[in-house]
C-alpha atoms as a PDB file:
ATOM      1  CA  MET A   1      67.410  63.060 131.983  1.00  0.00           C
ATOM      2  CA  THR A   2      65.876  65.099 135.095  1.00  0.00           C
ATOM      3  CA  THR A   3      67.273  68.790 135.691  1.00  0.00           C
ATOM      4  CA  LEU A   4      68.091  70.010 138.517  1.00  0.00           C
ATOM      5  CA  LYS A   5      65.074  71.553 138.956  1.00  0.00           C
ATOM      6  CA  ASN A   6      63.475  68.676 139.178  1.00  0.00           C
ATOM      7  CA  PHE A   7      66.304  67.410 140.905  1.00  0.00           C
ATOM      8  CA  LEU A   8      66.165  69.834 143.604  1.00  0.00           C
ATOM      9  CA  LYS A   9      62.354  69.100 143.906  1.00  0.00           C
ATOM     10  CA  ASP A  10      62.597  65.852 144.689  1.00  0.00           C
ATOM     11  CA  LYS A  11      65.329  65.886 147.885  1.00  0.00           C
ATOM     12  CA  ASN A  12      62.480  68.817 149.073  1.00  0.00           C
ATOM     13  CA  TYR A  13      63.711  72.089 147.884  1.00  0.00           C
ATOM     14  CA  VAL A  14      62.057  75.274 147.241  1.00  0.00           C
ATOM     15  CA  ARG A  15      63.250  76.997 143.730  1.00  0.00           C
ATOM     16  CA  ILE A  16      63.330  81.406 144.644  1.00  0.00           C
ATOM     17  CA  PRO A  17      64.349  83.550 142.008  1.00  0.00           C
ATOM     18  CA  LEU A  18      66.430  85.436 142.136  1.00  0.00           C
ATOM     19  CA  VAL A  19      66.508  89.028 140.014  1.00  0.00           C
ATOM     20  CA  LEU A  20      70.809  90.437 139.100  1.00  0.00           C
ATOM     21  CA  THR A  21      70.767  94.676 140.075  1.00  0.00           C
ATOM     22  CA  ALA A  22      72.835  96.985 138.304  1.00  0.00           C
ATOM     23  CA  THR A  23      75.207  96.509 140.148  1.00  0.00           C
ATOM     24  CA  ASP A  24      75.184  92.575 140.084  1.00  0.00           C
ATOM     25  CA  HIS A  25      74.348  91.668 142.961  1.00  0.00           C
ATOM     26  CA  PHE A  26      71.709  89.162 143.571  1.00  0.00           C
ATOM     27  CA  GLU A  27      68.306  90.543 144.811  1.00  0.00           C
ATOM     28  CA  ILE A  28      66.275  88.536 146.780  1.00  0.00           C
ATOM     29  CA  ASN A  29      62.934  89.293 148.914  1.00  0.00           C
ATOM     30  CA  ALA A  30      61.981  88.104 151.903  1.00  0.00           C
ATOM     31  CA  GLU A  31      59.467  88.554 154.603  1.00  0.00           C
ATOM     32  CA  ILE A  32      61.235  88.680 158.018  1.00  0.00           C
ATOM     33  CA  ASN A  33      58.582  88.865 161.096  1.00  0.00           C
ATOM     34  CA  ALA A  34      55.758  88.790 158.402  1.00  0.00           C
ATOM     35  CA  VAL A  35      56.992  92.024 156.649  1.00  0.00           C
ATOM     36  CA  GLU A  36      58.052  91.941 153.171  1.00  0.00           C
ATOM     37  CA  GLY A  37      61.483  93.675 152.547  1.00  0.00           C
ATOM     38  CA  ARG A  38      63.861  93.493 149.995  1.00  0.00           C
ATOM     39  CA  PHE A  39      67.171  91.823 150.658  1.00  0.00           C
ATOM     40  CA  ILE A  40      71.081  91.471 148.699  1.00  0.00           C
ATOM     41  CA  LEU A  41      71.837  87.717 148.588  1.00  0.00           C
ATOM     42  CA  ASP A  42      75.813  87.919 149.902  1.00  0.00           C
ATOM     43  CA  THR A  43      77.688  84.550 150.268  1.00  0.00           C
ATOM     44  CA  GLY A  44      80.423  86.860 152.619  1.00  0.00           C
ATOM     45  CA  ALA A  45      78.315  87.583 154.610  1.00  0.00           C
ATOM     46  CA  SER A  46      78.828  85.646 157.969  1.00  0.00           C
ATOM     47  CA  ASN A  47      75.354  87.100 159.198  1.00  0.00           C
ATOM     48  CA  THR A  48      71.905  88.444 157.674  1.00  0.00           C
ATOM     49  CA  CYS A  49      71.900  91.557 158.484  1.00  0.00           C
ATOM     50  CA  ILE A  50      69.389  94.747 158.751  1.00  0.00           C
ATOM     51  CA  GLY A  51      70.062  98.767 158.080  1.00  0.00           C
ATOM     52  CA  MET A  52      69.181 100.113 161.528  1.00  0.00           C
ATOM     53  CA  ASN A  53      66.897 102.681 160.076  1.00  0.00           C
ATOM     54  CA  ARG A  54      64.249  99.823 159.891  1.00  0.00           C
ATOM     55  CA  ILE A  55      64.087  98.118 163.040  1.00  0.00           C
ATOM     56  CA  GLU A  56      60.771  99.305 163.858  1.00  0.00           C
ATOM     57  CA  HIS A  57      59.441  98.189 159.771  1.00  0.00           C
ATOM     58  CA  PHE A  58      59.960  94.708 160.755  1.00  0.00           C
ATOM     59  CA  LYS A  59      59.356  94.690 164.731  1.00  0.00           C
ATOM     60  CA  LEU A  60      62.940  93.785 165.329  1.00  0.00           C
ATOM     61  CA  ILE A  61      63.388  94.139 169.759  1.00  0.00           C
ATOM     62  CA  SER A  62      66.856  94.891 169.750  1.00  0.00           C
ATOM     63  CA  GLU A  63      70.038  94.646 172.159  1.00  0.00           C
ATOM     64  CA  GLU A  64      73.387  95.466 172.497  1.00  0.00           C
ATOM     65  CA  SER A  65      76.167  93.763 170.746  1.00  0.00           C
ATOM     66  CA  ILE A  66      79.652  93.183 171.029  1.00  0.00           C
ATOM     67  CA  ILE A  67      80.032  92.427 167.182  1.00  0.00           C
ATOM     68  CA  LYS A  68      81.929  94.530 164.960  1.00  0.00           C
ATOM     69  CA  ALA A  69      80.970  94.798 161.146  1.00  0.00           C
ATOM     70  CA  ALA A  70      82.752  95.520 158.467  1.00  0.00           C
ATOM     71  CA  GLY A  71      82.087  95.325 154.532  1.00  0.00           C
ATOM     72  CA  ALA A  72      81.637  97.182 151.399  1.00  0.00           C
ATOM     73  CA  GLY A  73      84.329  99.691 152.210  1.00  0.00           C
ATOM     74  CA  ALA A  74      83.459 100.316 155.949  1.00  0.00           C
ATOM     75  CA  THR A  75      84.892  98.484 158.800  1.00  0.00           C
ATOM     76  CA  ASN A  76      84.638  98.786 162.721  1.00  0.00           C
ATOM     77  CA  MET A  77      80.936  99.691 162.806  1.00  0.00           C
ATOM     78  CA  GLU A  78      78.808  99.373 165.799  1.00  0.00           C
ATOM     79  CA  THR A  79      75.528  96.731 166.052  1.00  0.00           C
ATOM     80  CA  LEU A  80      73.109  95.655 167.726  1.00  0.00           C
ATOM     81  CA  VAL A  81      71.288  92.418 167.501  1.00  0.00           C
ATOM     82  CA  SER A  82      67.845  90.846 167.834  1.00  0.00           C
ATOM     83  CA  LYS A  83      67.040  87.842 168.267  1.00  0.00           C
ATOM     84  CA  GLU A  84      63.985  84.816 168.302  1.00  0.00           C
ATOM     85  CA  ASN A  85      62.516  86.467 164.864  1.00  0.00           C
ATOM     86  CA  THR A  86      61.174  84.640 161.846  1.00  0.00           C
ATOM     87  CA  ILE A  87      61.576  84.807 158.291  1.00  0.00           C
ATOM     88  CA  ASP A  88      60.319  83.685 155.427  1.00  0.00           C
ATOM     89  CA  ILE A  89      61.619  83.387 151.712  1.00  0.00           C
ATOM     90  CA  ASN A  90      59.175  82.260 149.348  1.00  0.00           C
ATOM     91  CA  SER A  91      57.965  79.354 151.450  1.00  0.00           C
ATOM     92  CA  TRP A  92      60.987  78.210 153.474  1.00  0.00           C
ATOM     93  CA  LYS A  93      60.785  79.410 157.246  1.00  0.00           C
ATOM     94  CA  TYR A  94      62.931  79.837 159.878  1.00  0.00           C
ATOM     95  CA  ASN A  95      61.707  80.440 163.266  1.00  0.00           C
ATOM     96  CA  LYS A  96      64.347  81.980 166.150  1.00  0.00           C
ATOM     97  CA  LEU A  97      66.579  83.784 163.344  1.00  0.00           C
ATOM     98  CA  GLU A  98      69.369  86.476 164.725  1.00  0.00           C
ATOM     99  CA  ILE A  99      69.442  89.682 162.744  1.00  0.00           C
ATOM    100  CA  VAL A 100      72.519  92.079 163.203  1.00  0.00           C
ATOM    101  CA  LEU A 101      71.650  95.227 162.884  1.00  0.00           C
ATOM    102  CA  PHE A 102      74.142  98.321 161.401  1.00  0.00           C
ATOM    103  CA  ASP A 103      73.890 101.455 159.430  1.00  0.00           C
ATOM    104  CA  LEU A 104      73.629 100.087 155.726  1.00  0.00           C
ATOM    105  CA  LYS A 105      73.910 103.913 154.727  1.00  0.00           C
ATOM    106  CA  HIS A 106      77.160 103.286 152.843  1.00  0.00           C
ATOM    107  CA  VAL A 107      76.353 100.102 151.138  1.00  0.00           C
ATOM    108  CA  ASN A 108      73.006 101.908 149.878  1.00  0.00           C
ATOM    109  CA  GLU A 109      74.816 104.956 149.077  1.00  0.00           C
ATOM    110  CA  ALA A 110      76.774 102.228 146.624  1.00  0.00           C
ATOM    111  CA  LEU A 111      73.461 100.807 145.205  1.00  0.00           C
ATOM    112  CA  THR A 112      72.156 103.699 144.411  1.00  0.00           C
ATOM    113  CA  ALA A 113      75.040 105.645 142.756  1.00  0.00           C
ATOM    114  CA  HIS A 114      74.626 102.635 140.255  1.00  0.00           C
ATOM    115  CA  ASN A 115      71.515 103.405 139.539  1.00  0.00           C
ATOM    116  CA  ALA A 116      70.497 100.432 141.894  1.00  0.00           C
ATOM    117  CA  GLU A 117      67.171 100.562 144.433  1.00  0.00           C
ATOM    118  CA  PRO A 118      68.178 100.682 147.800  1.00  0.00           C
ATOM    119  CA  VAL A 119      67.488  97.784 150.086  1.00  0.00           C
ATOM    120  CA  ASP A 120      66.355  96.883 153.507  1.00  0.00           C
ATOM    121  CA  GLY A 121      68.923  94.141 154.424  1.00  0.00           C
ATOM    122  CA  ILE A 122      71.838  90.889 154.059  1.00  0.00           C
ATOM    123  CA  ILE A 123      70.497  87.972 153.412  1.00  0.00           C
ATOM    124  CA  GLY A 124      73.914  85.394 154.640  1.00  0.00           C
ATOM    125  CA  ALA A 125      75.969  82.418 154.657  1.00  0.00           C
ATOM    126  CA  ASP A 126      73.704  82.152 157.813  1.00  0.00           C
ATOM    127  CA  ILE A 127      70.281  81.644 155.966  1.00  0.00           C
ATOM    128  CA  LEU A 128      72.308  80.166 153.349  1.00  0.00           C
ATOM    129  CA  LYS A 129      73.951  76.823 155.895  1.00  0.00           C
ATOM    130  CA  LYS A 130      71.043  76.605 157.399  1.00  0.00           C
ATOM    131  CA  SER A 131      69.135  76.010 153.993  1.00  0.00           C
ATOM    132  CA  LYS A 132      71.352  74.453 152.524  1.00  0.00           C
ATOM    133  CA  ALA A 133      70.872  76.694 149.462  1.00  0.00           C
ATOM    134  CA  ILE A 134      72.343  75.769 145.967  1.00  0.00           C
ATOM    135  CA  ILE A 135      72.320  78.704 143.470  1.00  0.00           C
ATOM    136  CA  ASP A 136      72.164  78.475 139.741  1.00  0.00           C
ATOM    137  CA  TYR A 137      73.667  82.036 138.605  1.00  0.00           C
ATOM    138  CA  SER A 138      72.669  80.595 135.096  1.00  0.00           C
ATOM    139  CA  LYS A 139      68.962  80.867 135.467  1.00  0.00           C
ATOM    140  CA  LYS A 140      69.362  83.073 138.322  1.00  0.00           C
ATOM    141  CA  CYS A 141      67.606  81.525 141.517  1.00  0.00           C
ATOM    142  CA  ILE A 142      68.619  79.742 144.373  1.00  0.00           C
ATOM    143  CA  TYR A 143      66.960  76.723 146.011  1.00  0.00           C
ATOM    144  CA  LEU A 144      66.401  76.327 149.821  1.00  0.00           C
ATOM    145  CA  LYS A 145      65.561  72.738 151.819  1.00  0.00           C
ATOM    146  CA  LYS A 146      62.412  72.894 153.557  1.00  0.00           C
ATOM    147  CA  LYS A 147      62.595  70.799 156.812  1.00  0.00           C
ATOM    148  CA  LYS A 148      60.899  67.886 157.300  1.00  0.00           C
ATOM    149  CA  ARG A 149      57.528  67.964 158.808  1.00  0.00           C
END
Protein backbone atom coordinates (compact mmCIF):
# COMPACT_ATOMS: atom_id res chain seq x y z
CA MET A 1 0.00 0.00 0.00
CA THR A 2 1.44 3.35 -1.03
CA THR A 3 1.48 6.34 1.30
CA LEU A 4 0.06 9.74 0.42
CA LYS A 5 3.60 11.12 0.46
CA ASN A 6 4.84 8.56 -2.09
CA PHE A 7 1.71 8.80 -4.22
CA LEU A 8 1.99 12.59 -4.51
CA LYS A 9 5.75 12.45 -5.08
CA ASP A 10 5.06 10.25 -8.11
CA LYS A 11 2.58 12.90 -9.30
CA ASN A 12 5.30 15.61 -9.17
CA TYR A 13 4.28 17.20 -5.85
CA VAL A 14 6.76 18.64 -3.40
CA ARG A 15 6.18 18.17 0.34
CA ILE A 16 6.60 21.26 2.50
CA PRO A 17 6.47 21.19 6.31
CA LEU A 18 4.12 23.55 8.13
CA VAL A 19 4.52 24.93 11.64
CA LEU A 20 1.42 25.11 13.82
CA THR A 21 1.48 28.38 15.77
CA ALA A 22 0.12 29.14 19.22
CA THR A 23 -2.94 30.62 17.45
CA ASP A 24 -3.57 27.36 15.54
CA HIS A 25 -2.52 28.89 12.23
CA PHE A 26 -0.17 27.08 9.91
CA GLU A 27 2.98 29.01 9.17
CA ILE A 28 5.09 28.51 6.06
CA ASN A 29 8.40 29.93 4.90
CA ALA A 30 8.66 31.31 1.39
CA GLU A 31 10.95 33.49 -0.68
CA ILE A 32 9.45 36.46 -2.46
CA ASN A 33 11.81 37.93 -5.06
CA ALA A 34 14.61 35.80 -3.49
CA VAL A 35 14.01 37.25 0.01
CA GLU A 36 12.99 34.89 2.80
CA GLY A 37 9.88 35.51 4.82
CA ARG A 38 7.40 33.98 7.24
CA PHE A 39 3.77 33.65 6.16
CA ILE A 40 0.47 32.36 7.46
CA LEU A 41 -1.18 29.81 5.21
CA ASP A 42 -4.78 31.01 4.85
CA THR A 43 -7.20 29.01 2.71
CA GLY A 44 -9.81 31.74 3.24
CA ALA A 45 -7.65 34.56 1.88
CA SER A 46 -8.31 35.03 -1.83
CA ASN A 47 -4.89 36.57 -2.53
CA THR A 48 -1.36 36.34 -1.28
CA CYS A 49 -0.67 39.46 0.79
CA ILE A 50 2.32 41.20 2.30
CA GLY A 51 2.37 43.96 4.89
CA MET A 52 2.97 47.48 3.57
CA ASN A 53 5.88 47.81 5.98
CA ARG A 54 7.68 45.00 4.08
CA ILE A 55 7.56 46.53 0.57
CA GLU A 56 11.25 47.43 0.43
CA HIS A 57 12.32 44.26 2.26
CA PHE A 58 10.81 42.06 -0.48
CA LYS A 59 11.87 44.38 -3.34
CA LEU A 60 8.26 45.01 -4.36
CA ILE A 61 7.20 47.59 -6.90
CA SER A 62 3.76 48.76 -5.91
CA GLU A 63 0.97 50.62 -7.61
CA GLU A 64 -2.44 51.86 -6.57
CA SER A 65 -5.23 49.34 -6.26
CA ILE A 66 -9.01 49.56 -6.17
CA ILE A 67 -9.14 46.41 -4.01
CA LYS A 68 -10.33 46.91 -0.44
CA ALA A 69 -9.00 44.36 2.04
CA ALA A 70 -10.96 42.82 4.88
CA GLY A 71 -10.21 40.14 7.42
CA ALA A 72 -9.30 39.35 11.00
CA GLY A 73 -11.63 42.00 12.37
CA ALA A 74 -10.67 44.81 10.00
CA THR A 75 -12.62 45.95 6.95
CA ASN A 76 -12.36 48.36 4.03
CA MET A 77 -8.57 48.71 4.28
CA GLU A 78 -6.66 50.54 1.56
CA THR A 79 -4.36 48.37 -0.53
CA LEU A 80 -1.62 48.54 -3.10
CA VAL A 81 -0.75 45.84 -5.60
CA SER A 82 2.61 44.52 -6.76
CA LYS A 83 2.81 42.55 -10.00
CA GLU A 84 5.41 40.34 -11.66
CA ASN A 85 6.90 38.89 -8.46
CA THR A 86 8.52 35.52 -7.95
CA ILE A 87 7.71 33.11 -5.16
CA ASP A 88 9.72 30.07 -4.12
CA ILE A 89 8.29 27.73 -1.50
CA ASN A 90 10.86 25.02 -0.96
CA SER A 91 11.39 23.94 -4.58
CA TRP A 92 7.98 25.03 -5.87
CA LYS A 93 8.35 28.20 -7.92
CA TYR A 94 6.00 30.62 -9.62
CA ASN A 95 6.71 33.78 -11.61
CA LYS A 96 4.37 36.67 -12.33
CA LEU A 97 2.78 36.58 -8.88
CA GLU A 98 0.46 39.46 -8.06
CA ILE A 99 0.62 40.40 -4.38
CA VAL A 100 -1.85 42.54 -2.48
CA LEU A 101 -0.19 44.94 -0.03
CA PHE A 102 -1.98 46.25 3.04
CA ASP A 103 -1.40 47.06 6.70
CA LEU A 104 -1.03 43.76 8.56
CA LYS A 105 -0.66 45.47 11.93
CA HIS A 106 -3.97 44.07 13.22
CA VAL A 107 -2.96 40.53 12.17
CA ASN A 108 0.44 40.74 13.87
CA GLU A 109 -1.03 42.30 17.01
CA ALA A 110 -3.43 39.36 17.27
CA LEU A 111 -0.59 36.89 16.77
CA THR A 112 1.76 38.47 19.31
CA ALA A 113 -1.08 38.78 21.85
CA HIS A 114 -1.21 34.96 21.77
CA ASN A 115 2.57 34.50 22.00
CA ALA A 116 3.01 33.79 18.30
CA GLU A 117 5.64 35.44 16.12
CA PRO A 118 4.60 38.21 13.70
CA VAL A 119 4.47 37.35 9.99
CA ASP A 120 5.46 39.12 6.81
CA GLY A 121 2.29 38.15 5.01
CA ILE A 122 -0.29 35.59 4.04
CA ILE A 123 -0.14 32.84 1.43
CA GLY A 124 -3.64 32.78 -0.02
CA ALA A 125 -5.90 30.71 -2.22
CA ASP A 126 -4.30 32.10 -5.39
CA ILE A 127 -1.15 30.10 -4.67
CA LEU A 128 -3.10 27.11 -3.36
CA LYS A 129 -5.09 26.92 -6.61
CA LYS A 130 -2.07 27.46 -8.88
CA SER A 131 -0.16 24.71 -7.09
CA LYS A 132 -3.10 22.28 -6.82
CA ALA A 133 -2.28 22.25 -3.10
CA ILE A 134 -3.13 19.38 -0.81
CA ILE A 135 -2.92 20.04 2.92
CA ASP A 136 -2.24 17.13 5.24
CA TYR A 137 -3.41 18.50 8.57
CA SER A 138 -2.42 15.45 10.62
CA LYS A 139 1.15 15.42 9.27
CA LYS A 140 1.41 19.25 9.33
CA CYS A 141 2.55 19.59 5.74
CA ILE A 142 1.37 20.82 2.38
CA TYR A 143 1.97 19.35 -1.03
CA LEU A 144 2.39 21.68 -4.03
CA LYS A 145 2.44 20.38 -7.59
CA LYS A 146 5.45 21.40 -9.62
CA LYS A 147 4.99 22.37 -13.24
CA LYS A 148 6.45 19.94 -15.73
CA ARG A 149 9.44 21.35 -17.52
